[in-house]
Each structure stands twice: as structure tokens, then as C-alpha cells.
Amino acid sequence: MVHGQISSIEGLEMVAAVRELAMRLPEVTEQIDAFGHTSFRVNDKPFVIMGEGGTDGPSLSMKVLKTTQEILLTQEHFYKTPYIGHHGWVSILAKNVTSYNDLEDYIREGYMCAAPKRLVKQLQEQPR
């Protein structure tokens, strides 16, 4: 099965907004996988994955702590990410994001879940 890269206007806007937040973090790379998903990674471990989606439009998935996941799942629009939700991943459709800046703390949390300890320490020492 062949999947396409994110190409909708809404999807490209989502990628640009998340890229601005994720690339502020140390040693982050951006990658597009064989399914067309755009991910942001640290030490080759993803902490954000975005896809074009189907009829509902593009979606954003983030790795978070299980306690954060539980809290987010009680809020409207967040849902457990298919296939990887049991590992603490939570998703939201791009059309339901009111501000990507509101998601910055979750993106940062996902980074800290995936990053090696030396990078977590470096991040914690940086002023915000």
C-alpha cells in the first residue's frame, strides 16, 4: 500500500507550526516514513508523528507520560493514538487545534520521554 506525504493546506500548516516548536529542542531531526507520516525525533526515537489522515483530515500524535495521557483523554478532541496509544501516545485532529502553542508543553514532554538523559538535562538547564 502506498501512502502520500502531507500535502493539504491544513496539513502543511500543521507541519510548519509543529516544526517551529519541535526544532527548538536539542538534536531534533525531521523524518518522513514510508507511510508519508512526518515525525520529529530525538536519538532516532519519535516524539511527534503527523499524518494526512482520511476524511477527518490531518492529525497530530504526541508521546506523553501516561498520567498526561489520562488527563488529555478526558478533554474534548483528544483520543488514544491507534496502535501505539498503549505506549502513552495521544492524538488530535488538526481541525480541532485552536493554537499549536497550546501544545508546546506536550511536545516538550514527549521530547523528554524520548531523549537521552544528557539532552533532558541540557533542556532543563535552558531558560524558556
N, C-alpha and C. Protein backbone atom coordinates (compact mmCIF):
# COMPACT_ATOMS: atom_id res chain seq x y z
N MET A 1 0.85 -1.18 0.00
CA MET A 1 0.00 0.00 0.00
C MET A 1 0.89 1.24 0.00
N VAL A 2 0.58 2.17 -0.87
CA VAL A 2 1.36 3.40 -0.96
C VAL A 2 0.59 4.54 -0.29
N HIS A 3 1.26 5.26 0.54
CA HIS A 3 0.66 6.40 1.22
C HIS A 3 1.37 7.66 0.72
N GLY A 4 0.68 8.78 0.79
CA GLY A 4 1.29 10.02 0.35
C GLY A 4 1.72 10.90 1.50
N GLN A 5 2.65 11.77 1.22
CA GLN A 5 3.10 12.75 2.20
C GLN A 5 1.99 13.76 2.46
N ILE A 6 2.13 14.47 3.54
CA ILE A 6 1.17 15.51 3.88
C ILE A 6 1.21 16.57 2.78
N SER A 7 0.04 16.85 2.22
CA SER A 7 0.01 17.80 1.11
C SER A 7 -1.15 18.79 1.19
N SER A 8 -2.12 18.56 2.06
CA SER A 8 -3.23 19.50 2.17
C SER A 8 -2.74 20.80 2.81
N ILE A 9 -3.44 21.87 2.56
CA ILE A 9 -3.07 23.16 3.14
C ILE A 9 -3.09 23.07 4.67
N GLU A 10 -4.15 22.47 5.22
CA GLU A 10 -4.26 22.32 6.67
C GLU A 10 -3.11 21.47 7.22
N GLY A 11 -2.76 20.41 6.51
CA GLY A 11 -1.67 19.54 6.93
C GLY A 11 -0.33 20.24 6.88
N LEU A 12 -0.08 20.98 5.82
CA LEU A 12 1.19 21.71 5.69
C LEU A 12 1.31 22.80 6.75
N GLU A 13 0.19 23.45 7.09
CA GLU A 13 0.21 24.44 8.17
C GLU A 13 0.51 23.78 9.50
N MET A 14 -0.05 22.59 9.72
CA MET A 14 0.20 21.84 10.95
C MET A 14 1.69 21.49 11.05
N VAL A 15 2.25 20.96 9.98
CA VAL A 15 3.67 20.58 9.99
C VAL A 15 4.55 21.80 10.27
N ALA A 16 4.26 22.92 9.63
CA ALA A 16 5.06 24.14 9.82
C ALA A 16 4.99 24.62 11.28
N ALA A 17 3.80 24.59 11.86
CA ALA A 17 3.63 25.05 13.24
C ALA A 17 4.35 24.13 14.22
N VAL A 18 4.22 22.82 14.02
CA VAL A 18 4.87 21.86 14.91
C VAL A 18 6.38 21.90 14.71
N ARG A 19 6.82 22.05 13.47
CA ARG A 19 8.26 22.15 13.19
C ARG A 19 8.89 23.31 13.96
N GLU A 20 8.21 24.44 13.98
CA GLU A 20 8.72 25.61 14.69
C GLU A 20 8.92 25.31 16.18
N LEU A 21 8.01 24.54 16.76
CA LEU A 21 8.11 24.20 18.18
C LEU A 21 9.14 23.09 18.42
N ALA A 22 9.10 22.05 17.62
CA ALA A 22 9.97 20.88 17.84
C ALA A 22 11.44 21.18 17.57
N MET A 23 11.72 21.98 16.57
CA MET A 23 13.11 22.21 16.19
C MET A 23 13.83 23.14 17.17
N ARG A 24 13.13 23.68 18.14
CA ARG A 24 13.77 24.46 19.20
C ARG A 24 14.49 23.55 20.20
N LEU A 25 14.13 22.30 20.18
CA LEU A 25 14.66 21.33 21.14
C LEU A 25 15.99 20.75 20.63
N PRO A 26 16.91 20.40 21.53
CA PRO A 26 18.24 19.94 21.12
C PRO A 26 18.22 18.63 20.32
N GLU A 27 18.99 18.63 19.24
CA GLU A 27 19.28 17.44 18.43
C GLU A 27 18.04 16.77 17.84
N VAL A 28 17.04 17.55 17.48
CA VAL A 28 15.83 17.02 16.86
C VAL A 28 16.03 16.90 15.36
N THR A 29 15.50 15.82 14.80
CA THR A 29 15.51 15.63 13.35
C THR A 29 14.07 15.43 12.88
N GLU A 30 13.86 15.75 11.62
CA GLU A 30 12.56 15.55 10.99
C GLU A 30 12.71 14.44 9.97
N GLN A 31 11.71 13.56 9.92
CA GLN A 31 11.79 12.42 9.01
C GLN A 31 10.41 12.13 8.43
N ILE A 32 10.37 11.69 7.19
CA ILE A 32 9.14 11.24 6.56
C ILE A 32 9.29 9.74 6.31
N ASP A 33 8.34 8.95 6.85
CA ASP A 33 8.46 7.50 6.72
C ASP A 33 7.78 6.99 5.45
N ALA A 34 7.79 5.70 5.26
CA ALA A 34 7.23 5.07 4.06
C ALA A 34 5.72 5.27 3.95
N PHE A 35 5.06 5.56 5.06
CA PHE A 35 3.62 5.79 5.05
C PHE A 35 3.29 7.25 4.76
N GLY A 36 4.30 8.10 4.65
CA GLY A 36 4.08 9.53 4.41
C GLY A 36 3.91 10.33 5.69
N HIS A 37 4.08 9.68 6.84
CA HIS A 37 3.97 10.40 8.12
C HIS A 37 5.22 11.23 8.35
N THR A 38 5.03 12.44 8.80
CA THR A 38 6.14 13.30 9.20
C THR A 38 6.34 13.13 10.69
N SER A 39 7.57 12.86 11.09
CA SER A 39 7.83 12.72 12.52
C SER A 39 8.99 13.59 12.94
N PHE A 40 8.98 13.95 14.21
CA PHE A 40 10.10 14.64 14.82
C PHE A 40 10.68 13.68 15.83
N ARG A 41 12.00 13.55 15.79
CA ARG A 41 12.70 12.52 16.55
C ARG A 41 13.90 13.08 17.29
N VAL A 42 14.25 12.39 18.35
CA VAL A 42 15.49 12.65 19.06
C VAL A 42 16.12 11.30 19.30
N ASN A 43 17.38 11.17 18.97
CA ASN A 43 18.09 9.90 19.11
C ASN A 43 17.34 8.80 18.33
N ASP A 44 16.79 9.18 17.20
CA ASP A 44 16.00 8.33 16.29
C ASP A 44 14.73 7.77 16.93
N LYS A 45 14.27 8.37 18.02
CA LYS A 45 13.02 7.97 18.65
C LYS A 45 11.98 9.06 18.40
N PRO A 46 10.83 8.70 17.83
CA PRO A 46 9.82 9.73 17.57
C PRO A 46 9.13 10.20 18.84
N PHE A 47 8.82 11.47 18.86
CA PHE A 47 8.00 12.03 19.95
C PHE A 47 6.80 12.78 19.40
N VAL A 48 6.78 13.04 18.10
CA VAL A 48 5.63 13.62 17.40
C VAL A 48 5.54 12.93 16.04
N ILE A 49 4.32 12.51 15.69
CA ILE A 49 4.07 11.92 14.38
C ILE A 49 2.82 12.59 13.81
N MET A 50 2.89 13.00 12.54
CA MET A 50 1.75 13.64 11.89
C MET A 50 1.43 12.94 10.58
N GLY A 51 0.16 12.83 10.28
CA GLY A 51 -0.25 12.20 9.03
C GLY A 51 -1.41 12.94 8.40
N GLU A 52 -1.58 12.72 7.11
CA GLU A 52 -2.64 13.39 6.37
C GLU A 52 -4.02 12.92 6.81
N GLY A 53 -4.14 11.68 7.20
CA GLY A 53 -5.43 11.17 7.67
C GLY A 53 -6.37 10.91 6.52
N GLY A 54 -7.57 10.55 6.86
CA GLY A 54 -8.59 10.27 5.85
C GLY A 54 -9.54 11.43 5.71
N THR A 55 -10.81 11.12 5.78
CA THR A 55 -11.84 12.13 5.58
C THR A 55 -11.86 13.16 6.71
N ASP A 56 -11.31 12.81 7.88
CA ASP A 56 -11.28 13.74 9.00
C ASP A 56 -10.15 14.75 8.90
N GLY A 57 -9.23 14.55 7.98
CA GLY A 57 -8.13 15.48 7.78
C GLY A 57 -6.90 15.09 8.57
N PRO A 58 -5.88 15.95 8.51
CA PRO A 58 -4.59 15.64 9.15
C PRO A 58 -4.69 15.53 10.67
N SER A 59 -3.80 14.71 11.22
CA SER A 59 -3.78 14.53 12.67
C SER A 59 -2.37 14.63 13.20
N LEU A 60 -2.30 14.92 14.47
CA LEU A 60 -1.05 15.09 15.19
C LEU A 60 -1.06 14.12 16.36
N SER A 61 -0.02 13.33 16.48
CA SER A 61 0.12 12.39 17.60
C SER A 61 1.37 12.76 18.39
N MET A 62 1.25 12.69 19.73
CA MET A 62 2.37 13.07 20.59
C MET A 62 2.58 12.01 21.66
N LYS A 63 3.83 11.73 21.95
CA LYS A 63 4.19 10.85 23.05
C LYS A 63 4.13 11.69 24.32
N VAL A 64 3.41 11.20 25.33
CA VAL A 64 3.33 11.90 26.61
C VAL A 64 3.41 10.86 27.73
N LEU A 65 3.56 11.33 28.94
CA LEU A 65 3.52 10.44 30.09
C LEU A 65 2.12 9.85 30.21
N LYS A 66 2.03 8.67 30.78
CA LYS A 66 0.72 8.01 30.92
C LYS A 66 -0.25 8.87 31.74
N THR A 67 0.25 9.56 32.76
CA THR A 67 -0.63 10.42 33.56
C THR A 67 -1.16 11.58 32.73
N THR A 68 -0.31 12.15 31.88
CA THR A 68 -0.74 13.23 30.99
C THR A 68 -1.75 12.70 29.99
N GLN A 69 -1.49 11.50 29.48
CA GLN A 69 -2.42 10.89 28.52
C GLN A 69 -3.81 10.75 29.15
N GLU A 70 -3.86 10.28 30.38
CA GLU A 70 -5.14 10.11 31.06
C GLU A 70 -5.89 11.44 31.16
N ILE A 71 -5.17 12.49 31.49
CA ILE A 71 -5.79 13.82 31.60
C ILE A 71 -6.29 14.30 30.24
N LEU A 72 -5.45 14.16 29.21
CA LEU A 72 -5.84 14.63 27.87
C LEU A 72 -7.03 13.86 27.32
N LEU A 73 -7.11 12.57 27.63
CA LEU A 73 -8.21 11.76 27.11
C LEU A 73 -9.56 12.15 27.72
N THR A 74 -9.54 12.90 28.81
CA THR A 74 -10.81 13.39 29.39
C THR A 74 -11.26 14.68 28.72
N GLN A 75 -10.37 15.27 27.93
CA GLN A 75 -10.69 16.53 27.24
C GLN A 75 -11.27 16.24 25.86
N GLU A 76 -12.12 17.14 25.43
CA GLU A 76 -12.71 17.02 24.11
C GLU A 76 -11.62 17.07 23.04
N HIS A 77 -11.78 16.28 22.01
CA HIS A 77 -10.94 16.24 20.81
C HIS A 77 -9.68 15.37 20.91
N PHE A 78 -9.20 15.05 22.09
CA PHE A 78 -8.04 14.17 22.19
C PHE A 78 -8.50 12.71 22.21
N TYR A 79 -7.71 11.85 21.59
CA TYR A 79 -8.04 10.42 21.59
C TYR A 79 -6.75 9.61 21.62
N LYS A 80 -6.87 8.38 22.06
CA LYS A 80 -5.72 7.49 22.15
C LYS A 80 -5.28 7.14 20.72
N THR A 81 -4.01 7.31 20.44
CA THR A 81 -3.47 7.04 19.11
C THR A 81 -3.60 5.55 18.78
N PRO A 82 -4.20 5.22 17.63
CA PRO A 82 -4.30 3.82 17.24
C PRO A 82 -2.92 3.16 17.17
N TYR A 83 -2.87 1.91 17.55
CA TYR A 83 -1.68 1.04 17.50
C TYR A 83 -0.63 1.36 18.56
N ILE A 84 -0.41 2.63 18.89
CA ILE A 84 0.66 2.97 19.83
C ILE A 84 0.16 3.70 21.08
N GLY A 85 -1.14 3.86 21.20
CA GLY A 85 -1.73 4.56 22.34
C GLY A 85 -1.40 3.93 23.67
N HIS A 86 -1.23 2.62 23.69
CA HIS A 86 -0.90 1.94 24.95
C HIS A 86 0.51 2.29 25.44
N HIS A 87 1.29 2.95 24.60
CA HIS A 87 2.63 3.42 24.99
C HIS A 87 2.62 4.89 25.41
N GLY A 88 1.44 5.47 25.59
CA GLY A 88 1.34 6.85 26.05
C GLY A 88 1.15 7.88 24.95
N TRP A 89 0.78 7.43 23.75
CA TRP A 89 0.57 8.37 22.65
C TRP A 89 -0.86 8.86 22.64
N VAL A 90 -1.03 10.14 22.35
CA VAL A 90 -2.35 10.77 22.26
C VAL A 90 -2.39 11.58 20.96
N SER A 91 -3.57 11.65 20.35
CA SER A 91 -3.72 12.34 19.07
C SER A 91 -4.82 13.38 19.12
N ILE A 92 -4.75 14.28 18.15
CA ILE A 92 -5.77 15.30 17.95
C ILE A 92 -5.80 15.63 16.46
N LEU A 93 -6.98 15.85 15.92
CA LEU A 93 -7.09 16.26 14.53
C LEU A 93 -6.68 17.73 14.40
N ALA A 94 -6.03 18.05 13.31
CA ALA A 94 -5.57 19.43 13.10
C ALA A 94 -6.73 20.42 13.16
N LYS A 95 -7.89 20.03 12.66
CA LYS A 95 -9.04 20.95 12.66
C LYS A 95 -9.52 21.29 14.07
N ASN A 96 -9.10 20.50 15.06
CA ASN A 96 -9.52 20.75 16.44
C ASN A 96 -8.46 21.46 17.28
N VAL A 97 -7.33 21.78 16.69
CA VAL A 97 -6.28 22.50 17.41
C VAL A 97 -6.58 23.99 17.32
N THR A 98 -6.79 24.62 18.47
CA THR A 98 -7.06 26.06 18.46
C THR A 98 -5.77 26.87 18.36
N SER A 99 -4.70 26.36 18.96
CA SER A 99 -3.39 27.01 18.89
C SER A 99 -2.31 25.96 19.10
N TYR A 100 -1.38 25.89 18.18
CA TYR A 100 -0.28 24.93 18.34
C TYR A 100 0.60 25.29 19.52
N ASN A 101 0.65 26.57 19.87
CA ASN A 101 1.42 26.97 21.06
C ASN A 101 0.86 26.34 22.33
N ASP A 102 -0.46 26.05 22.33
CA ASP A 102 -1.07 25.38 23.48
C ASP A 102 -0.54 23.95 23.64
N LEU A 103 0.00 23.39 22.57
CA LEU A 103 0.51 22.01 22.61
C LEU A 103 2.01 21.95 22.89
N GLU A 104 2.65 23.10 23.02
CA GLU A 104 4.10 23.13 23.19
C GLU A 104 4.58 22.33 24.39
N ASP A 105 3.90 22.43 25.52
CA ASP A 105 4.33 21.68 26.71
C ASP A 105 4.23 20.17 26.49
N TYR A 106 3.24 19.72 25.73
CA TYR A 106 3.10 18.29 25.45
C TYR A 106 4.18 17.82 24.48
N ILE A 107 4.51 18.64 23.52
CA ILE A 107 5.60 18.31 22.59
C ILE A 107 6.91 18.23 23.36
N ARG A 108 7.12 19.16 24.24
CA ARG A 108 8.33 19.16 25.08
C ARG A 108 8.36 17.92 25.99
N GLU A 109 7.21 17.56 26.56
CA GLU A 109 7.13 16.37 27.41
C GLU A 109 7.47 15.11 26.60
N GLY A 110 6.94 15.04 25.38
CA GLY A 110 7.24 13.90 24.52
C GLY A 110 8.71 13.81 24.20
N TYR A 111 9.31 14.96 23.96
CA TYR A 111 10.75 15.01 23.71
C TYR A 111 11.51 14.44 24.90
N MET A 112 11.11 14.86 26.10
CA MET A 112 11.82 14.41 27.30
C MET A 112 11.61 12.92 27.56
N CYS A 113 10.49 12.37 27.09
CA CYS A 113 10.27 10.91 27.20
C CYS A 113 11.21 10.14 26.27
N ALA A 114 11.52 10.73 25.12
CA ALA A 114 12.31 10.03 24.11
C ALA A 114 13.80 10.34 24.17
N ALA A 115 14.17 11.48 24.72
CA ALA A 115 15.56 11.95 24.68
C ALA A 115 16.45 11.23 25.70
N PRO A 116 17.73 11.11 25.37
CA PRO A 116 18.67 10.59 26.37
C PRO A 116 18.80 11.58 27.54
N LYS A 117 19.21 11.06 28.67
CA LYS A 117 19.27 11.86 29.90
C LYS A 117 20.11 13.12 29.74
N ARG A 118 21.21 13.04 28.99
CA ARG A 118 22.07 14.22 28.83
C ARG A 118 21.32 15.36 28.13
N LEU A 119 20.45 15.02 27.17
CA LEU A 119 19.69 16.06 26.47
C LEU A 119 18.54 16.59 27.34
N VAL A 120 17.95 15.73 28.13
CA VAL A 120 16.90 16.17 29.07
C VAL A 120 17.51 17.18 30.04
N LYS A 121 18.68 16.84 30.56
CA LYS A 121 19.36 17.75 31.50
C LYS A 121 19.68 19.08 30.82
N GLN A 122 20.19 19.02 29.59
CA GLN A 122 20.52 20.23 28.83
C GLN A 122 19.26 21.08 28.63
N LEU A 123 18.14 20.46 28.31
CA LEU A 123 16.90 21.18 28.10
C LEU A 123 16.41 21.82 29.39
N GLN A 124 16.51 21.10 30.50
CA GLN A 124 16.05 21.62 31.77
C GLN A 124 16.90 22.81 32.24
N GLU A 125 18.13 22.88 31.81
CA GLU A 125 19.01 23.98 32.19
C GLU A 125 18.82 25.22 31.34
N GLN A 126 18.13 25.09 30.18
CA GLN A 126 17.90 26.23 29.30
C GLN A 126 16.74 27.08 29.82
N PRO A 127 16.89 28.40 29.72
CA PRO A 127 15.75 29.25 30.08
C PRO A 127 14.65 29.11 29.03
N ARG A 128 13.40 29.21 29.44
CA ARG A 128 12.28 29.05 28.50
C ARG A 128 11.85 30.32 27.92
